[in-house]
Amino acid sequence: TGLDETDKITNRRDVIITAFAEPGNRVEAVVNGQIVGTQVSNGPLSIPITLPGPGTHFITLIALDEAGNPSVATAPIVVTVDETAPASLTTA
């Protein structure tokens, strides 16, 4: 959200992470080291998560196969939640 859709700055805590994993794999969304969402893959995934609040958050994904073997975590997606309103405007 905001002025730039690519800057990873938002005022929303509820976001959807999209990914793709092998069918049958369980994908865990991890924010700041805590699992916040899980979905079993049947192709493309859309995992809804809630970010904990204002500040910078690191989101990674881990896939687990049916035997429970984890993949290497993805590179982190860094997202900043900014809920601060802009300063008041003044007129001349």
C-alpha atoms as a PDB file:
ATOM      1  CA  THR A   1       0.000   0.000   0.000  1.00  0.00           C
ATOM      2  CA  GLY A   2       1.088   3.585  -0.107  1.00  0.00           C
ATOM      3  CA  LEU A   3       2.579   5.630  -2.892  1.00  0.00           C
ATOM      4  CA  ASP A   4       4.942   2.946  -4.222  1.00  0.00           C
ATOM      5  CA  GLU A   5       3.752  -0.646  -4.599  1.00  0.00           C
ATOM      6  CA  THR A   6       7.352  -1.934  -4.748  1.00  0.00           C
ATOM      7  CA  ASP A   7       8.975  -0.294  -1.698  1.00  0.00           C
ATOM      8  CA  LYS A   8       7.663  -2.898   0.793  1.00  0.00           C
ATOM      9  CA  ILE A   9       6.321  -0.177   3.101  1.00  0.00           C
ATOM     10  CA  THR A  10       2.692  -0.545   4.096  1.00  0.00           C
ATOM     11  CA  ASN A  11       0.164   0.633   6.637  1.00  0.00           C
ATOM     12  CA  ARG A  12      -1.522  -2.780   6.661  1.00  0.00           C
ATOM     13  CA  ARG A  13      -0.737  -5.576   9.085  1.00  0.00           C
ATOM     14  CA  ASP A  14      -2.740  -8.184   7.172  1.00  0.00           C
ATOM     15  CA  VAL A  15      -0.864  -9.258   4.046  1.00  0.00           C
ATOM     16  CA  ILE A  16      -0.890 -12.215   1.673  1.00  0.00           C
ATOM     17  CA  ILE A  17       2.331 -14.000   0.772  1.00  0.00           C
ATOM     18  CA  THR A  18       2.305 -15.782  -2.585  1.00  0.00           C
ATOM     19  CA  ALA A  19       4.633 -18.663  -3.361  1.00  0.00           C
ATOM     20  CA  PHE A  20       4.891 -21.964  -5.188  1.00  0.00           C
ATOM     21  CA  ALA A  21       5.957 -25.324  -3.731  1.00  0.00           C
ATOM     22  CA  GLU A  22       5.794 -28.955  -4.753  1.00  0.00           C
ATOM     23  CA  PRO A  23       2.331 -30.465  -4.298  1.00  0.00           C
ATOM     24  CA  GLY A  24       1.907 -32.021  -0.857  1.00  0.00           C
ATOM     25  CA  ASN A  25       4.588 -29.881   0.796  1.00  0.00           C
ATOM     26  CA  ARG A  26       3.595 -27.890   3.861  1.00  0.00           C
ATOM     27  CA  VAL A  27       4.804 -24.291   3.626  1.00  0.00           C
ATOM     28  CA  GLU A  28       5.331 -22.261   6.776  1.00  0.00           C
ATOM     29  CA  ALA A  29       5.401 -18.467   6.737  1.00  0.00           C
ATOM     30  CA  VAL A  30       7.790 -17.186   9.403  1.00  0.00           C
ATOM     31  CA  VAL A  31       7.849 -13.570  10.617  1.00  0.00           C
ATOM     32  CA  ASN A  32      10.709 -12.476  12.853  1.00  0.00           C
ATOM     33  CA  GLY A  33      11.398 -16.123  13.745  1.00  0.00           C
ATOM     34  CA  GLN A  34       7.773 -17.034  14.593  1.00  0.00           C
ATOM     35  CA  ILE A  35       5.542 -19.247  12.436  1.00  0.00           C
ATOM     36  CA  VAL A  36       2.479 -17.157  11.570  1.00  0.00           C
ATOM     37  CA  GLY A  37       0.895 -19.140   8.745  1.00  0.00           C
ATOM     38  CA  THR A  38       0.905 -22.620   7.235  1.00  0.00           C
ATOM     39  CA  GLN A  39      -0.561 -24.017   4.045  1.00  0.00           C
ATOM     40  CA  VAL A  40      -0.271 -27.322   2.169  1.00  0.00           C
ATOM     41  CA  SER A  41       0.727 -26.827  -1.438  1.00  0.00           C
ATOM     42  CA  ASN A  42      -1.444 -27.893  -4.298  1.00  0.00           C
ATOM     43  CA  GLY A  43       0.299 -25.525  -6.706  1.00  0.00           C
ATOM     44  CA  PRO A  44       0.433 -21.762  -6.201  1.00  0.00           C
ATOM     45  CA  LEU A  45       0.003 -20.639  -2.583  1.00  0.00           C
ATOM     46  CA  SER A  46      -1.551 -17.544  -1.068  1.00  0.00           C
ATOM     47  CA  ILE A  47      -0.788 -17.517   2.653  1.00  0.00           C
ATOM     48  CA  PRO A  48      -2.585 -14.826   4.669  1.00  0.00           C
ATOM     49  CA  ILE A  49      -0.509 -13.545   7.589  1.00  0.00           C
ATOM     50  CA  THR A  50      -0.779 -10.783  10.158  1.00  0.00           C
ATOM     51  CA  LEU A  51       2.329  -8.753  10.889  1.00  0.00           C
ATOM     52  CA  PRO A  52       2.826  -8.030  14.608  1.00  0.00           C
ATOM     53  CA  GLY A  53       2.662  -4.241  14.417  1.00  0.00           C
ATOM     54  CA  PRO A  54       4.556  -1.142  13.350  1.00  0.00           C
ATOM     55  CA  GLY A  55       8.227  -1.584  12.484  1.00  0.00           C
ATOM     56  CA  THR A  56      10.420  -3.674  10.219  1.00  0.00           C
ATOM     57  CA  HIS A  57       9.614  -7.358   9.812  1.00  0.00           C
ATOM     58  CA  PHE A  58      11.506 -10.220   8.172  1.00  0.00           C
ATOM     59  CA  ILE A  59       9.362 -12.791   6.364  1.00  0.00           C
ATOM     60  CA  THR A  60      10.741 -16.148   5.232  1.00  0.00           C
ATOM     61  CA  LEU A  61       9.138 -19.329   3.941  1.00  0.00           C
ATOM     62  CA  ILE A  62      10.115 -22.911   4.674  1.00  0.00           C
ATOM     63  CA  ALA A  63       8.742 -25.960   2.865  1.00  0.00           C
ATOM     64  CA  LEU A  64       8.460 -29.323   4.597  1.00  0.00           C
ATOM     65  CA  ASP A  65       8.000 -32.494   2.577  1.00  0.00           C
ATOM     66  CA  GLU A  66       5.596 -35.243   3.616  1.00  0.00           C
ATOM     67  CA  ALA A  67       8.353 -36.827   5.749  1.00  0.00           C
ATOM     68  CA  GLY A  68       8.846 -33.519   7.608  1.00  0.00           C
ATOM     69  CA  ASN A  69      12.213 -32.658   6.043  1.00  0.00           C
ATOM     70  CA  PRO A  70      12.577 -28.861   5.921  1.00  0.00           C
ATOM     71  CA  SER A  71      13.909 -26.907   2.983  1.00  0.00           C
ATOM     72  CA  VAL A  72      16.383 -24.107   3.348  1.00  0.00           C
ATOM     73  CA  ALA A  73      14.495 -20.923   4.241  1.00  0.00           C
ATOM     74  CA  THR A  74      13.900 -18.388   1.497  1.00  0.00           C
ATOM     75  CA  ALA A  75      15.813 -15.146   1.508  1.00  0.00           C
ATOM     76  CA  PRO A  76      13.937 -12.771   3.808  1.00  0.00           C
ATOM     77  CA  ILE A  77      11.387 -10.350   2.478  1.00  0.00           C
ATOM     78  CA  VAL A  78      11.783  -7.179   4.520  1.00  0.00           C
ATOM     79  CA  VAL A  79       8.507  -5.325   5.071  1.00  0.00           C
ATOM     80  CA  THR A  80       7.981  -2.154   7.090  1.00  0.00           C
ATOM     81  CA  VAL A  81       4.616  -1.404   8.681  1.00  0.00           C
ATOM     82  CA  ASP A  82       4.215   2.358   9.041  1.00  0.00           C
ATOM     83  CA  GLU A  83       1.041   3.434  10.826  1.00  0.00           C
ATOM     84  CA  THR A  84       2.191   6.984  11.559  1.00  0.00           C
ATOM     85  CA  ALA A  85       0.066   9.692   9.992  1.00  0.00           C
ATOM     86  CA  PRO A  86       1.872  12.469   8.154  1.00  0.00           C
ATOM     87  CA  ALA A  87       2.461  15.770   9.890  1.00  0.00           C
ATOM     88  CA  SER A  88      -0.307  18.367   9.693  1.00  0.00           C
ATOM     89  CA  LEU A  89      -0.342  20.600   6.663  1.00  0.00           C
ATOM     90  CA  THR A  90      -0.284  24.348   6.919  1.00  0.00           C
ATOM     91  CA  THR A  91      -1.436  26.839   4.373  1.00  0.00           C
ATOM     92  CA  ALA A  92       0.266  30.053   3.398  1.00  0.00           C
END
